[in-house]
Amino acid sequence: MATNDAGVSLVDRALRTTRERILDGTYAPGSRLRLHSIAEESGVSLIPAREVLRILERSGSS
């Protein structure tokens, strides 16, 4: 799994960013989470962003 200089995986970084945006209302309830938006806003490629969507889907947070 790819990590950044601080040793945090890119998926973890993108997941943290996305969850923060969900909780602070950036992503309105019921809005679609877009793969490209997650990647761009988190500074990761599409592969970690896709994994974020999978994690959120499994957790029921999407």
N, C-alpha and C. Protein backbone atom coordinates (compact mmCIF):
# COMPACT_ATOMS: atom_id res chain seq x y z
N MET A 1 0.85 -1.18 0.00
CA MET A 1 0.00 0.00 0.00
C MET A 1 0.89 1.24 0.00
N ALA A 2 0.61 2.18 -0.87
CA ALA A 2 1.40 3.40 -1.00
C ALA A 2 1.18 4.30 0.21
N THR A 3 2.27 4.95 0.64
CA THR A 3 2.20 5.88 1.77
C THR A 3 2.84 7.20 1.38
N ASN A 4 2.48 8.23 2.15
CA ASN A 4 3.13 9.52 1.93
C ASN A 4 4.35 9.62 2.84
N ASP A 5 4.99 10.79 2.89
CA ASP A 5 6.21 10.95 3.68
C ASP A 5 5.99 10.76 5.17
N ALA A 6 4.77 11.00 5.65
CA ALA A 6 4.47 10.86 7.08
C ALA A 6 4.11 9.41 7.44
N GLY A 7 4.14 8.52 6.46
CA GLY A 7 3.82 7.12 6.72
C GLY A 7 2.34 6.80 6.72
N VAL A 8 1.51 7.76 6.32
CA VAL A 8 0.07 7.55 6.26
C VAL A 8 -0.26 7.04 4.87
N SER A 9 -1.06 5.97 4.79
CA SER A 9 -1.40 5.46 3.46
C SER A 9 -2.25 6.49 2.72
N LEU A 10 -2.15 6.44 1.41
CA LEU A 10 -2.91 7.37 0.58
C LEU A 10 -4.41 7.14 0.74
N VAL A 11 -4.79 5.88 0.92
CA VAL A 11 -6.21 5.57 1.16
C VAL A 11 -6.65 6.19 2.47
N ASP A 12 -5.85 6.05 3.52
CA ASP A 12 -6.21 6.63 4.82
C ASP A 12 -6.33 8.14 4.74
N ARG A 13 -5.41 8.77 4.02
CA ARG A 13 -5.46 10.23 3.88
C ARG A 13 -6.73 10.65 3.15
N ALA A 14 -7.03 9.97 2.05
CA ALA A 14 -8.23 10.31 1.28
C ALA A 14 -9.50 10.00 2.07
N LEU A 15 -9.49 8.92 2.82
CA LEU A 15 -10.65 8.56 3.63
C LEU A 15 -10.88 9.61 4.72
N ARG A 16 -9.82 10.04 5.37
CA ARG A 16 -9.94 11.06 6.41
C ARG A 16 -10.50 12.36 5.82
N THR A 17 -9.96 12.77 4.68
CA THR A 17 -10.43 13.99 4.02
C THR A 17 -11.90 13.89 3.64
N THR A 18 -12.28 12.76 3.08
CA THR A 18 -13.66 12.57 2.64
C THR A 18 -14.61 12.53 3.82
N ARG A 19 -14.25 11.82 4.87
CA ARG A 19 -15.11 11.78 6.07
C ARG A 19 -15.26 13.17 6.68
N GLU A 20 -14.17 13.95 6.71
CA GLU A 20 -14.26 15.32 7.23
C GLU A 20 -15.24 16.14 6.40
N ARG A 21 -15.21 15.98 5.11
CA ARG A 21 -16.11 16.73 4.22
C ARG A 21 -17.55 16.28 4.38
N ILE A 22 -17.76 15.02 4.67
CA ILE A 22 -19.11 14.53 4.94
C ILE A 22 -19.61 15.15 6.24
N LEU A 23 -18.78 15.10 7.27
CA LEU A 23 -19.20 15.58 8.60
C LEU A 23 -19.37 17.09 8.66
N ASP A 24 -18.55 17.84 7.90
CA ASP A 24 -18.67 19.30 7.96
C ASP A 24 -19.71 19.86 6.99
N GLY A 25 -20.37 18.97 6.24
CA GLY A 25 -21.44 19.39 5.36
C GLY A 25 -21.02 19.79 3.96
N THR A 26 -19.71 19.66 3.66
CA THR A 26 -19.26 19.94 2.30
C THR A 26 -20.00 19.05 1.31
N TYR A 27 -20.15 17.79 1.68
CA TYR A 27 -20.96 16.86 0.89
C TYR A 27 -22.31 16.78 1.59
N ALA A 28 -23.33 17.30 0.95
CA ALA A 28 -24.67 17.32 1.54
C ALA A 28 -25.22 15.91 1.66
N PRO A 29 -26.06 15.68 2.67
CA PRO A 29 -26.68 14.36 2.80
C PRO A 29 -27.39 13.97 1.51
N GLY A 30 -27.14 12.75 1.08
CA GLY A 30 -27.77 12.23 -0.12
C GLY A 30 -27.07 12.61 -1.42
N SER A 31 -26.03 13.46 -1.33
CA SER A 31 -25.33 13.83 -2.56
C SER A 31 -24.42 12.69 -3.01
N ARG A 32 -24.14 12.69 -4.30
CA ARG A 32 -23.25 11.66 -4.85
C ARG A 32 -21.81 12.03 -4.58
N LEU A 33 -21.04 11.04 -4.19
CA LEU A 33 -19.60 11.23 -4.03
C LEU A 33 -18.96 10.84 -5.36
N ARG A 34 -18.22 11.75 -5.92
CA ARG A 34 -17.61 11.55 -7.24
C ARG A 34 -16.15 11.14 -7.09
N LEU A 35 -15.78 10.10 -7.80
CA LEU A 35 -14.44 9.55 -7.74
C LEU A 35 -13.38 10.61 -8.03
N HIS A 36 -13.57 11.36 -9.09
CA HIS A 36 -12.58 12.37 -9.48
C HIS A 36 -12.50 13.49 -8.45
N SER A 37 -13.61 13.86 -7.84
CA SER A 37 -13.60 14.90 -6.82
C SER A 37 -12.83 14.44 -5.59
N ILE A 38 -13.09 13.22 -5.16
CA ILE A 38 -12.39 12.68 -3.99
C ILE A 38 -10.89 12.64 -4.26
N ALA A 39 -10.51 12.18 -5.43
CA ALA A 39 -9.08 12.11 -5.78
C ALA A 39 -8.45 13.49 -5.78
N GLU A 40 -9.10 14.43 -6.44
CA GLU A 40 -8.54 15.78 -6.54
C GLU A 40 -8.46 16.47 -5.18
N GLU A 41 -9.53 16.41 -4.42
CA GLU A 41 -9.57 17.09 -3.12
C GLU A 41 -8.63 16.47 -2.10
N SER A 42 -8.33 15.20 -2.26
CA SER A 42 -7.46 14.50 -1.31
C SER A 42 -6.01 14.46 -1.79
N GLY A 43 -5.79 14.83 -3.04
CA GLY A 43 -4.43 14.82 -3.57
C GLY A 43 -3.92 13.41 -3.83
N VAL A 44 -4.82 12.52 -4.24
CA VAL A 44 -4.43 11.14 -4.53
C VAL A 44 -4.89 10.78 -5.93
N SER A 45 -4.44 9.63 -6.41
CA SER A 45 -4.89 9.16 -7.72
C SER A 45 -6.26 8.49 -7.59
N LEU A 46 -6.76 8.01 -8.70
CA LEU A 46 -8.08 7.40 -8.71
C LEU A 46 -8.13 6.08 -7.95
N ILE A 47 -7.03 5.36 -7.88
CA ILE A 47 -7.03 4.06 -7.21
C ILE A 47 -7.32 4.20 -5.71
N PRO A 48 -6.60 5.05 -4.97
CA PRO A 48 -6.98 5.22 -3.56
C PRO A 48 -8.37 5.81 -3.38
N ALA A 49 -8.77 6.71 -4.28
CA ALA A 49 -10.11 7.30 -4.19
C ALA A 49 -11.18 6.23 -4.39
N ARG A 50 -10.94 5.30 -5.28
CA ARG A 50 -11.89 4.20 -5.51
C ARG A 50 -12.00 3.33 -4.26
N GLU A 51 -10.89 3.10 -3.59
CA GLU A 51 -10.92 2.31 -2.36
C GLU A 51 -11.69 3.04 -1.27
N VAL A 52 -11.59 4.35 -1.21
CA VAL A 52 -12.37 5.15 -0.26
C VAL A 52 -13.86 4.92 -0.48
N LEU A 53 -14.29 4.95 -1.72
CA LEU A 53 -15.71 4.72 -2.01
C LEU A 53 -16.13 3.32 -1.58
N ARG A 54 -15.27 2.34 -1.79
CA ARG A 54 -15.58 0.97 -1.36
C ARG A 54 -15.70 0.89 0.16
N ILE A 55 -14.78 1.52 0.86
CA ILE A 55 -14.81 1.50 2.33
C ILE A 55 -16.08 2.17 2.84
N LEU A 56 -16.40 3.34 2.29
CA LEU A 56 -17.60 4.05 2.73
C LEU A 56 -18.87 3.25 2.42
N GLU A 57 -18.88 2.61 1.27
CA GLU A 57 -20.04 1.80 0.90
C GLU A 57 -20.22 0.65 1.89
N ARG A 58 -19.14 -0.02 2.25
CA ARG A 58 -19.22 -1.13 3.21
C ARG A 58 -19.64 -0.66 4.59
N SER A 59 -19.24 0.56 4.95
CA SER A 59 -19.55 1.06 6.29
C SER A 59 -20.94 1.71 6.36
N GLY A 60 -21.57 1.90 5.19
CA GLY A 60 -22.88 2.52 5.17
C GLY A 60 -22.84 4.02 5.27
N SER A 61 -21.67 4.62 5.03
CA SER A 61 -21.51 6.07 5.15
C SER A 61 -21.66 6.80 3.85
N SER A 62 -21.93 6.10 2.78
CA SER A 62 -22.01 6.81 1.50
C SER A 62 -23.44 7.08 1.12
